[in-house]
Protein backbone atom coordinates (compact mmCIF):
# COMPACT_ATOMS: atom_id res chain seq x y z
CA UNK A 1 -2.71 -3.28 -76.17
CA UNK A 2 -2.72 -5.85 -73.31
CA UNK A 3 -0.75 -5.38 -69.43
CA UNK A 4 -0.25 -7.17 -66.48
CA UNK A 5 -1.39 -5.04 -63.67
CA UNK A 6 0.31 -5.98 -60.19
CA UNK A 7 -2.83 -4.40 -58.29
CA UNK A 8 -5.32 -7.21 -60.08
CA UNK A 9 -2.67 -9.96 -60.45
CA UNK A 10 -4.08 -9.75 -63.92
CA UNK A 11 -3.69 -9.10 -67.71
CA UNK A 12 -5.82 -6.32 -68.47
CA UNK A 13 -6.62 -4.20 -71.39
CA UNK A 14 -5.01 -1.27 -71.54
CA UNK A 15 -7.05 2.23 -71.72
CA UNK A 16 -5.66 5.47 -70.86
CA UNK A 17 -7.58 8.15 -69.11
CA UNK A 18 -7.10 10.49 -72.02
CA UNK A 19 -6.06 9.27 -75.16
CA UNK A 20 -5.07 12.28 -76.08
CA UNK A 21 -1.85 11.91 -73.65
CA UNK A 22 -0.56 8.59 -71.47
CA UNK A 23 0.71 9.60 -68.15
CA UNK A 24 3.51 7.40 -67.08
CA UNK A 25 5.72 7.69 -63.68
CA UNK A 26 9.20 5.96 -62.83
CA UNK A 27 10.64 5.38 -60.03
CA UNK A 28 14.23 6.66 -60.84
CA UNK A 29 17.37 6.63 -59.37
CA UNK A 30 18.85 7.85 -55.82
CA UNK A 31 21.97 9.34 -56.96
CA UNK A 32 24.67 8.99 -54.54
CA UNK A 33 26.53 6.39 -57.43
CA UNK A 34 26.48 4.94 -60.85
CA UNK A 35 23.25 3.18 -61.13
CA UNK A 36 23.69 -0.79 -61.38
CA UNK A 37 22.49 -3.40 -63.37
CA UNK A 38 19.40 -3.66 -61.60
CA UNK A 39 18.27 -0.07 -62.07
CA UNK A 40 19.23 -0.35 -65.70
CA UNK A 41 16.38 -3.25 -66.14
CA UNK A 42 13.30 -0.77 -65.12
CA UNK A 43 15.06 2.28 -67.15
CA UNK A 44 15.17 0.25 -70.49
CA UNK A 45 11.95 -1.63 -70.00
CA UNK A 46 10.16 1.23 -69.42
CA UNK A 47 11.88 2.96 -72.07
CA UNK A 48 11.04 0.65 -74.55
CA UNK A 49 7.32 0.89 -73.40
CA UNK A 50 7.40 4.58 -74.13
CA UNK A 51 8.66 4.05 -77.54
CA UNK A 52 6.84 1.33 -78.29
CA UNK A 53 2.85 3.70 -76.92
CA UNK A 54 4.61 7.00 -79.01
CA UNK A 55 5.15 4.34 -81.88
CA UNK A 56 1.45 3.66 -82.14
CA UNK A 57 0.72 7.28 -82.72
CA UNK A 58 0.17 7.72 -78.53
CA UNK A 59 1.70 11.18 -76.52
CA UNK A 60 3.26 9.98 -73.62
CA UNK A 61 4.36 12.37 -70.79
CA UNK A 62 6.70 10.07 -69.27
CA UNK A 63 7.60 11.41 -65.26
CA UNK A 64 11.20 10.14 -64.14
CA UNK A 65 12.42 11.33 -61.21
CA UNK A 66 16.25 12.17 -58.87
CA UNK A 67 16.05 11.09 -55.41
CA UNK A 68 18.73 13.93 -54.40
CA UNK A 69 17.93 13.73 -50.70
CA UNK A 70 18.72 10.68 -48.82
CA UNK A 71 20.88 9.13 -46.42
CA UNK A 72 23.34 7.61 -48.61
CA UNK A 73 23.47 10.73 -50.41
CA UNK A 74 24.29 12.38 -47.00
CA UNK A 75 27.33 9.73 -45.61
CA UNK A 76 29.07 10.08 -49.64
CA UNK A 77 29.03 13.33 -49.06
CA UNK A 78 30.59 12.83 -45.40
CA UNK A 79 32.95 10.46 -47.07
CA UNK A 80 34.28 12.84 -49.59
CA UNK A 81 34.08 15.77 -47.69
CA UNK A 82 31.90 17.38 -50.02
CA UNK A 83 27.96 18.33 -49.72
CA UNK A 84 24.98 16.28 -50.75
CA UNK A 85 24.26 18.65 -53.53
CA UNK A 86 27.76 18.32 -55.05
CA UNK A 87 26.84 14.08 -54.58
CA UNK A 88 23.61 13.93 -56.64
CA UNK A 89 24.85 16.68 -59.18
CA UNK A 90 27.63 14.55 -60.09
CA UNK A 91 25.84 11.46 -60.15
CA UNK A 92 22.49 12.80 -62.19
CA UNK A 93 25.31 13.77 -64.88
CA UNK A 94 26.63 10.22 -64.74
CA UNK A 95 23.09 8.91 -64.73
CA UNK A 96 22.46 10.56 -67.85
CA UNK A 97 26.26 9.62 -69.75
CA UNK A 98 24.95 6.05 -69.30
CA UNK A 99 21.79 6.76 -69.68
CA UNK A 100 22.44 7.80 -73.20
CA UNK A 101 25.11 4.63 -73.91
CA UNK A 102 21.84 2.37 -73.43
CA UNK A 103 19.65 4.67 -75.74
CA UNK A 104 17.45 5.79 -73.03
CA UNK A 105 15.46 8.64 -74.38
CA UNK A 106 15.34 11.40 -70.97
CA UNK A 107 12.09 11.41 -69.57
CA UNK A 108 9.43 14.62 -70.21
CA UNK A 109 10.17 15.56 -66.91
CA UNK A 110 13.33 14.62 -64.43
CA UNK A 111 12.06 16.38 -61.75
CA UNK A 112 14.33 16.39 -58.29
CA UNK A 113 12.95 15.84 -54.95
CA UNK A 114 15.27 20.03 -53.72
CA UNK A 115 13.34 21.31 -56.38
CA UNK A 116 9.45 19.84 -55.09
CA UNK A 117 9.79 20.85 -51.26
CA UNK A 118 6.92 22.82 -50.82
CA UNK A 119 4.61 20.78 -52.94
CA UNK A 120 6.05 17.98 -50.17
CA UNK A 121 5.46 19.76 -47.23
CA UNK A 122 2.28 21.20 -48.21
CA UNK A 123 0.97 17.54 -49.44
CA UNK A 124 2.66 16.42 -45.66
CA UNK A 125 0.52 19.00 -44.35
CA UNK A 126 -2.81 18.20 -45.74
CA UNK A 127 -2.71 14.02 -44.41
CA UNK A 128 -2.31 15.92 -40.97
CA UNK A 129 -5.25 18.43 -41.41
CA UNK A 130 -6.91 14.78 -42.57
CA UNK A 131 -6.33 12.44 -40.06
CA UNK A 132 -4.01 10.39 -41.92
CA UNK A 133 -0.87 11.68 -40.44
CA UNK A 134 0.27 12.64 -36.42
CA UNK A 135 4.02 14.57 -35.73
CA UNK A 136 6.33 14.39 -33.16
CA UNK A 137 8.84 16.15 -32.00
CA UNK A 138 9.65 16.94 -35.24
CA UNK A 139 8.75 14.09 -37.17
CA UNK A 140 5.42 13.14 -38.83
CA UNK A 141 4.04 9.74 -39.41
CA UNK A 142 2.04 8.35 -41.62
CA UNK A 143 -1.28 6.31 -39.73
CA UNK A 144 -0.84 3.59 -41.65
CA UNK A 145 -4.18 1.73 -39.81
CA UNK A 146 -6.34 4.90 -40.97
CA UNK A 147 -6.11 3.97 -44.77
CA UNK A 148 -8.36 0.88 -45.20
CA UNK A 149 -7.02 -0.71 -48.35
CA UNK A 150 -3.35 -0.74 -47.11
CA UNK A 151 -1.72 -3.70 -48.67
CA UNK A 152 -3.73 -3.81 -51.77
CA UNK A 153 -1.10 -3.98 -54.33
CA UNK A 154 1.65 -6.23 -52.29
CA UNK A 155 -1.60 -8.71 -51.08
CA UNK A 156 -0.80 -7.80 -47.57
CA UNK A 157 -3.26 -7.81 -45.09
CA UNK A 158 -2.46 -5.78 -41.84
CA UNK A 159 -2.61 -8.66 -39.44
CA UNK A 160 0.38 -10.06 -41.23
CA UNK A 161 2.48 -7.09 -41.64
CA UNK A 162 1.65 -6.49 -38.01
CA UNK A 163 2.79 -9.55 -36.48
CA UNK A 164 6.41 -8.87 -38.05
CA UNK A 165 6.92 -5.25 -36.91
CA UNK A 166 8.36 -4.12 -33.77
CA UNK A 167 7.96 -0.70 -32.23
CA UNK A 168 12.28 -0.03 -30.99
CA UNK A 169 12.78 1.51 -27.70
CA UNK A 170 12.74 4.83 -28.23
CA UNK A 171 10.63 5.33 -31.53
CA UNK A 172 8.26 7.85 -31.84
CA UNK A 173 5.87 6.38 -33.67
CA UNK A 174 2.59 5.35 -32.41
CA UNK A 175 2.09 1.92 -34.14
CA UNK A 176 4.47 -0.14 -35.65
CA UNK A 177 3.38 -0.12 -39.10
CA UNK A 178 3.35 3.84 -39.11
CA UNK A 179 6.25 5.29 -41.62
CA UNK A 180 7.67 8.48 -42.02
CA UNK A 181 6.94 11.22 -43.98
CA UNK A 182 9.02 14.11 -42.54
CA UNK A 183 12.17 13.80 -40.60
CA UNK A 184 13.64 16.06 -38.39
CA UNK A 185 16.81 17.27 -38.60
CA UNK A 186 19.38 15.22 -36.02
CA UNK A 187 22.68 17.11 -36.61
CA UNK A 188 23.77 20.75 -37.81
CA UNK A 189 25.29 19.51 -40.62
CA UNK A 190 22.08 17.45 -42.34
CA UNK A 191 20.71 19.25 -45.31
CA UNK A 192 17.13 20.32 -44.39
CA UNK A 193 14.61 22.61 -45.29
CA UNK A 194 12.17 24.67 -42.82
CA UNK A 195 8.80 23.27 -42.62
CA UNK A 196 5.69 23.87 -39.79
CA UNK A 197 7.20 20.62 -38.05
CA UNK A 198 10.61 22.38 -37.61
CA UNK A 199 13.69 21.92 -39.75
CA UNK A 200 13.75 18.48 -41.75
CA UNK A 201 13.83 16.48 -45.02
CA UNK A 202 10.92 14.19 -45.99
CA UNK A 203 10.52 10.69 -46.09
CA UNK A 204 11.39 8.57 -49.11
CA UNK A 205 7.69 7.58 -50.14
CA UNK A 206 6.09 10.82 -49.88
CA UNK A 207 8.62 12.47 -52.66
CA UNK A 208 7.07 10.11 -55.38
CA UNK A 209 3.37 10.90 -54.57
CA UNK A 210 3.81 14.63 -54.84
CA UNK A 211 6.17 14.60 -57.91
CA UNK A 212 3.59 12.54 -59.64
CA UNK A 213 1.07 14.52 -58.48
CA UNK A 214 2.42 17.82 -59.83
CA UNK A 215 3.58 16.78 -63.15
CA UNK A 216 0.48 14.03 -64.00
CA UNK A 217 -2.23 15.09 -62.01
CA UNK A 218 -3.92 13.29 -59.35
CA UNK A 219 -4.52 10.08 -61.07
CA UNK A 220 -2.46 8.26 -63.88
CA UNK A 221 -2.34 5.60 -66.38
CA UNK A 222 0.52 3.89 -65.15
CA UNK A 223 3.49 3.45 -62.47
CA UNK A 224 6.57 1.79 -63.06
CA UNK A 225 9.36 0.01 -60.97
CA UNK A 226 11.17 -2.71 -60.32
CA UNK A 227 9.58 -5.65 -58.29
CA UNK A 228 11.45 -4.94 -54.78
CA UNK A 229 9.41 -1.35 -54.98
CA UNK A 230 6.38 -3.22 -54.67
CA UNK A 231 6.30 -3.28 -51.18
CA UNK A 232 7.18 -0.88 -49.18
CA UNK A 233 7.25 2.11 -51.65
CA UNK A 234 4.78 1.44 -53.75
CA UNK A 235 1.96 0.25 -51.11
CA UNK A 236 2.68 3.43 -49.28
CA UNK A 237 2.54 5.96 -52.23
CA UNK A 238 -1.25 4.52 -52.34
CA UNK A 239 -1.59 4.84 -49.26
CA UNK A 240 -0.65 8.42 -48.81
CA UNK A 241 -1.83 9.73 -52.59
CA UNK A 242 -4.83 7.94 -52.42
CA UNK A 243 -5.82 9.64 -48.81
CA UNK A 244 -4.77 12.68 -49.57
CA UNK A 245 -6.17 12.79 -53.26
CA UNK A 246 -9.80 10.83 -52.03
CA UNK A 247 -9.33 8.87 -55.75
CA UNK A 248 -7.21 6.19 -57.35
CA UNK A 249 -3.45 6.87 -57.62
CA UNK A 250 -2.74 5.15 -60.42
CA UNK A 251 -4.78 2.69 -63.19
CA UNK A 252 -2.28 -0.18 -63.58
CA UNK A 253 0.92 -1.09 -61.79
CA UNK A 254 4.06 -2.44 -63.76
CA UNK A 255 6.91 -4.38 -62.04
CA UNK A 256 9.99 -5.72 -63.20
CA UNK A 257 11.65 -9.11 -62.08
CA UNK A 258 15.12 -9.02 -60.38
CA UNK A 259 18.31 -9.51 -61.88
CA UNK A 260 20.30 -12.54 -60.59
CA UNK A 261 24.47 -12.61 -61.07
CA UNK A 262 25.01 -16.16 -62.16
CA UNK A 263 21.94 -17.52 -60.21
CA UNK A 264 22.91 -15.56 -57.19
CA UNK A 265 21.00 -12.29 -56.05
CA UNK A 266 23.15 -9.57 -56.77
CA UNK A 267 24.79 -7.81 -53.68
CA UNK A 268 27.75 -5.76 -52.61
CA UNK A 269 28.70 -8.08 -49.69
CA UNK A 270 29.08 -11.01 -52.46
CA UNK A 271 31.17 -9.35 -54.97
CA UNK A 272 29.07 -9.85 -57.89
CA UNK A 273 27.67 -6.07 -57.59
CA UNK A 274 28.06 -4.48 -61.23
CA UNK A 275 27.19 -1.05 -62.17
CA UNK A 276 26.38 -0.08 -65.72
CA UNK A 277 29.53 1.86 -66.07
CA UNK A 278 31.47 -0.84 -64.85
CA UNK A 279 30.10 -3.39 -67.72
CA UNK A 280 30.74 -0.82 -70.00
CA UNK A 281 34.13 -1.69 -70.17
CA UNK A 282 33.57 -5.01 -71.48
CA UNK A 283 30.04 -4.60 -73.66
CA UNK A 284 28.16 -1.94 -75.83
CA UNK A 285 25.42 -0.12 -73.98
CA UNK A 286 23.48 -1.75 -77.02
CA UNK A 287 24.46 -5.60 -76.37
CA UNK A 288 23.33 -4.58 -72.43
CA UNK A 289 19.92 -3.11 -73.90
CA UNK A 290 19.71 -6.49 -75.83
CA UNK A 291 20.13 -8.83 -73.22
CA UNK A 292 17.85 -6.47 -70.75
CA UNK A 293 15.33 -7.19 -73.54
CA UNK A 294 16.16 -10.23 -74.18
CA UNK A 295 13.83 -11.88 -71.78
CA UNK A 296 10.32 -11.02 -71.09
CA UNK A 297 10.36 -8.07 -68.22
CA UNK A 298 8.30 -9.79 -65.49
CA UNK A 299 10.88 -12.54 -65.23
CA UNK A 300 14.18 -12.84 -63.46
CA UNK A 301 16.84 -12.30 -65.52
CA UNK A 302 20.12 -14.00 -64.68
CA UNK A 303 23.73 -12.06 -65.65
CA UNK A 304 27.00 -14.34 -66.71
CA UNK A 305 29.46 -13.84 -69.05
CA UNK A 306 28.20 -16.67 -71.09
CA UNK A 307 24.55 -14.52 -71.52
CA UNK A 308 26.45 -11.66 -72.58
CA UNK A 309 28.31 -12.99 -75.01
CA UNK A 310 24.91 -14.51 -76.49
CA UNK A 311 23.64 -11.32 -76.20
CA UNK A 312 26.58 -9.74 -78.44
CA UNK A 313 26.24 -12.04 -81.01
CA UNK A 314 22.41 -11.56 -81.35
CA UNK A 315 22.68 -7.89 -81.60
CA UNK A 316 25.98 -8.79 -84.01
CA UNK A 317 23.36 -10.40 -86.30
CA UNK A 318 21.12 -7.58 -86.67
CA UNK A 319 24.21 -5.23 -87.01
CA UNK A 320 25.21 -7.56 -89.90
CA UNK A 321 22.03 -7.61 -91.71
CA UNK A 322 21.88 -4.03 -91.09
CA UNK A 323 25.44 -3.37 -92.55
CA UNK A 324 24.87 -5.52 -95.62
CA UNK A 325 21.73 -3.92 -96.57
CA UNK A 326 23.45 -0.32 -96.36
CA UNK A 327 25.96 -2.15 -98.97
CA UNK A 328 23.18 -3.69 -101.09
CA UNK A 329 21.46 -0.01 -101.28
CA UNK A 330 24.79 1.03 -102.44
CA UNK A 331 26.10 -1.30 -104.85
CA UNK A 332 23.09 -3.22 -105.91
CA UNK A 333 20.98 -3.77 -109.10
CA UNK A 334 18.96 -0.67 -110.54
CA UNK A 335 16.37 -2.27 -112.48
CA UNK A 336 14.17 -2.66 -109.90
CA UNK A 337 13.13 -5.42 -107.49
CA UNK A 338 12.41 -9.09 -108.91
CA UNK A 339 9.22 -11.26 -108.76
CA UNK A 340 11.36 -12.90 -105.40
CA UNK A 341 11.92 -9.63 -104.28
CA UNK A 342 8.16 -8.14 -104.67
CA UNK A 343 7.12 -11.22 -102.33
CA UNK A 344 9.82 -11.49 -100.18
CA UNK A 345 8.77 -7.54 -99.63
CA UNK A 346 5.19 -8.57 -99.17
CA UNK A 347 5.81 -10.76 -96.76
CA UNK A 348 7.16 -7.82 -94.47
CA UNK A 349 3.98 -6.97 -93.14
CA UNK A 350 3.59 -10.57 -91.33
CA UNK A 351 7.22 -10.33 -89.45
CA UNK A 352 5.88 -6.22 -88.17
CA UNK A 353 2.26 -7.84 -87.16
CA UNK A 354 4.10 -10.56 -85.55
CA UNK A 355 6.47 -8.26 -83.46
CA UNK A 356 3.58 -5.66 -82.85
CA UNK A 357 1.16 -8.48 -81.55
CA UNK A 358 4.19 -9.65 -78.92
CA UNK A 359 4.18 -5.87 -78.15
CA UNK A 360 0.94 -5.77 -77.56
CA UNK A 361 1.02 -8.83 -75.14
CA UNK A 362 2.14 -7.07 -72.00
CA UNK A 363 5.74 -5.89 -73.93
CA UNK A 364 6.96 -9.35 -74.41
CA UNK A 365 10.13 -7.96 -75.75
CA UNK A 366 11.55 -11.44 -75.97
CA UNK A 367 9.14 -12.39 -78.92
CA UNK A 368 9.06 -9.31 -80.63
CA UNK A 369 12.84 -9.80 -81.20
CA UNK A 370 12.45 -13.43 -81.94
CA UNK A 371 10.46 -11.67 -84.82
CA UNK A 372 13.21 -9.64 -85.85
CA UNK A 373 15.42 -12.37 -86.36
CA UNK A 374 12.65 -14.34 -88.09
CA UNK A 375 12.55 -11.03 -90.83
CA UNK A 376 16.73 -10.88 -90.99
CA UNK A 377 16.57 -14.85 -91.86
CA UNK A 378 14.08 -13.70 -94.99
CA UNK A 379 15.93 -10.95 -95.66
CA UNK A 380 19.34 -13.20 -95.72
CA UNK A 381 17.47 -15.83 -97.65
CA UNK A 382 16.10 -13.25 -100.40
CA UNK A 383 19.92 -11.47 -101.25
CA UNK A 384 22.15 -14.03 -100.96
CA UNK A 385 22.55 -13.91 -104.63
CA UNK A 386 22.83 -10.48 -104.56
CA UNK A 387 19.59 -7.40 -104.72
CA UNK A 388 17.92 -4.43 -105.99
CA UNK A 389 18.47 -1.13 -104.63
CA UNK A 390 14.78 -1.14 -104.08
CA UNK A 391 14.47 -4.47 -102.08
CA UNK A 392 17.53 -3.57 -100.02
CA UNK A 393 15.93 -0.14 -99.12
CA UNK A 394 12.32 -1.42 -98.59
CA UNK A 395 14.09 -3.89 -96.18
CA UNK A 396 15.95 -1.55 -94.25
CA UNK A 397 13.99 0.29 -93.44
CA UNK A 398 11.34 -2.28 -92.36
CA UNK A 399 14.43 -3.18 -90.17
CA UNK A 400 15.11 0.53 -88.77
CA UNK A 401 11.15 0.40 -88.12
CA UNK A 402 11.12 -2.17 -85.44
CA UNK A 403 14.89 -1.78 -83.98
CA UNK A 404 14.15 1.69 -83.32
CA UNK A 405 10.99 0.79 -80.69
CA UNK A 406 13.31 -1.90 -79.39
CA UNK A 407 16.23 1.13 -79.00
CA UNK A 408 18.97 -0.98 -80.60
CA UNK A 409 20.61 -0.25 -83.63
CA UNK A 410 20.88 3.36 -82.76
CA UNK A 411 24.54 4.06 -82.42
CA UNK A 412 26.06 4.47 -85.85
CA UNK A 413 28.91 2.28 -86.61
CA UNK A 414 32.35 4.22 -87.17
CA UNK A 415 32.16 2.55 -91.05
CA UNK A 416 35.48 5.30 -91.91
CA UNK A 417 38.58 2.99 -93.16
CA UNK A 418 41.87 4.16 -93.33
CA UNK A 419 44.25 4.89 -95.99
CA UNK A 420 46.38 1.71 -94.58
CA UNK A 421 43.39 -0.93 -94.64
CA UNK A 422 41.83 0.28 -97.94
CA UNK A 423 45.40 -0.12 -99.54
CA UNK A 424 45.41 -3.50 -98.24
CA UNK A 425 41.86 -4.11 -99.80
CA UNK A 426 42.82 -3.20 -102.92
CA UNK A 427 46.29 -5.01 -103.03
CA UNK A 428 44.27 -8.34 -102.36
CA UNK A 429 41.90 -7.36 -105.24
CA UNK A 430 44.47 -6.74 -107.25
CA UNK A 431 45.92 -10.22 -106.32
CA UNK A 432 42.64 -12.70 -106.87
CA UNK A 433 42.73 -10.73 -110.10
CA UNK A 434 46.01 -12.20 -110.62
CA UNK A 435 45.60 -15.60 -108.91
CA UNK A 436 47.82 -14.85 -106.11
CA UNK A 437 45.69 -16.43 -104.12
CA UNK A 438 48.17 -17.03 -101.32
CA UNK A 439 49.06 -13.37 -101.39
CA UNK A 440 45.55 -12.83 -100.61
CA UNK A 441 44.89 -15.23 -97.80
CA UNK A 442 47.40 -13.71 -96.65
CA UNK A 443 46.26 -10.36 -96.45
CA UNK A 444 42.88 -11.26 -95.10
CA UNK A 445 44.49 -12.96 -92.20
CA UNK A 446 46.35 -9.77 -91.73
CA UNK A 447 42.78 -7.17 -92.13
CA UNK A 448 41.27 -10.11 -89.16
CA UNK A 449 43.91 -9.62 -87.41
CA UNK A 450 43.05 -5.87 -87.33
CA UNK A 451 39.30 -6.60 -86.80
CA UNK A 452 38.34 -6.64 -90.53
CA UNK A 453 36.63 -8.93 -92.28
CA UNK A 454 36.04 -8.49 -95.92
CA UNK A 455 32.77 -10.23 -97.71
CA UNK A 456 32.91 -11.35 -101.04
CA UNK A 457 29.73 -10.12 -102.79
CA UNK A 458 28.34 -10.29 -106.23
CA UNK A 459 28.23 -6.50 -106.15
CA UNK A 460 31.74 -6.27 -105.03
CA UNK A 461 33.84 -6.83 -101.38
CA UNK A 462 32.27 -5.57 -98.35
CA UNK A 463 34.38 -4.63 -95.61
CA UNK A 464 32.96 -5.38 -92.07
CA UNK A 465 34.27 -4.11 -88.81
CA UNK A 466 33.94 -6.65 -86.29
């Protein structure tokens, strides 16, 4: 497999450190609200990477954190008259609901900052002892200039960064480029922990470095997240971790592109800010997932009603193919595959290989989806006049195999039909038998208004819920 490595700006052969276990760390949400569409993209993209690597026979240790200590959480708690712990626990629970709707698998570990505090404090203490950090009035800062390779991920040099930096009046930093590792408590109601530097809490960047080391070790295979995290978050993680560990932090860095809303950057001030919970009111989680995988993960992707409808139609095509095969597995011929079916089934391996080739090429889910649609076209061509149960089963198996990797067609449709609908279907069949086509058409229209479509096949009528 080839992966585009942000660190080197090129595609590289992916070679795990340990062939028995691939170690991946993905930056998770700050839990003070429902997660938005921009958050959802890395969750879905790197969940798909994990699913693919596991499909290829790898054990994956997949860590995604929860940042449950942050100014935003503290402010939310003040607004609600609650506390930071209540806010974070509430939105962790809501995260799992929305992630499940997107078919995002739970991580191997979901560490929380509040549960990793001793590790964070020990990490900061070591950086001070090694001369990479200093303490001022209970705050601890990282000396950016001490790390000679600072800027290697974002490809920025220290001079350029310095020209854009300023020390504000009252700032305790020795250098404008230094960043906080530990923040002294400012008010008595602020959540804080005891440390060698007094009561306080960690800076944002140090949290991921400490959690990654605790659960994955000093050097990991892949560190991933949104493009917006490249600088300063991931750059600072590298500086901290490599100064602390004395070795490479991550061998491969993967970053997904931005999401725009109707070709404009998503922001609350523009009123085009959407949480996944908002979008789930109009579209299923699988439609959202299909949309997020329909473009290459490194490219920007635009969210609009038109594109969401296209995603809905694309997913419906997959769902209809699966439903049709399920019908044929029950109502098809028992006489075994025909010569045409055998030839078609032999070609399944070509579509599967095209799918694998796309995924091996830097997780190209867009081309992988194209391979699935080409498979569906071939299947539909073969079964247009009916099919054997054996062929339908083989076709359903390969379709499930590929869509499972993409995390699609996982949510079973409720295909139960109530007695009223069943009675109308039977009445229509009787009307057709008696050549009362006007009544048959009338019943078809009644059912369509109820979201039920009837498909007449050589194997009998197929009832499809829209």
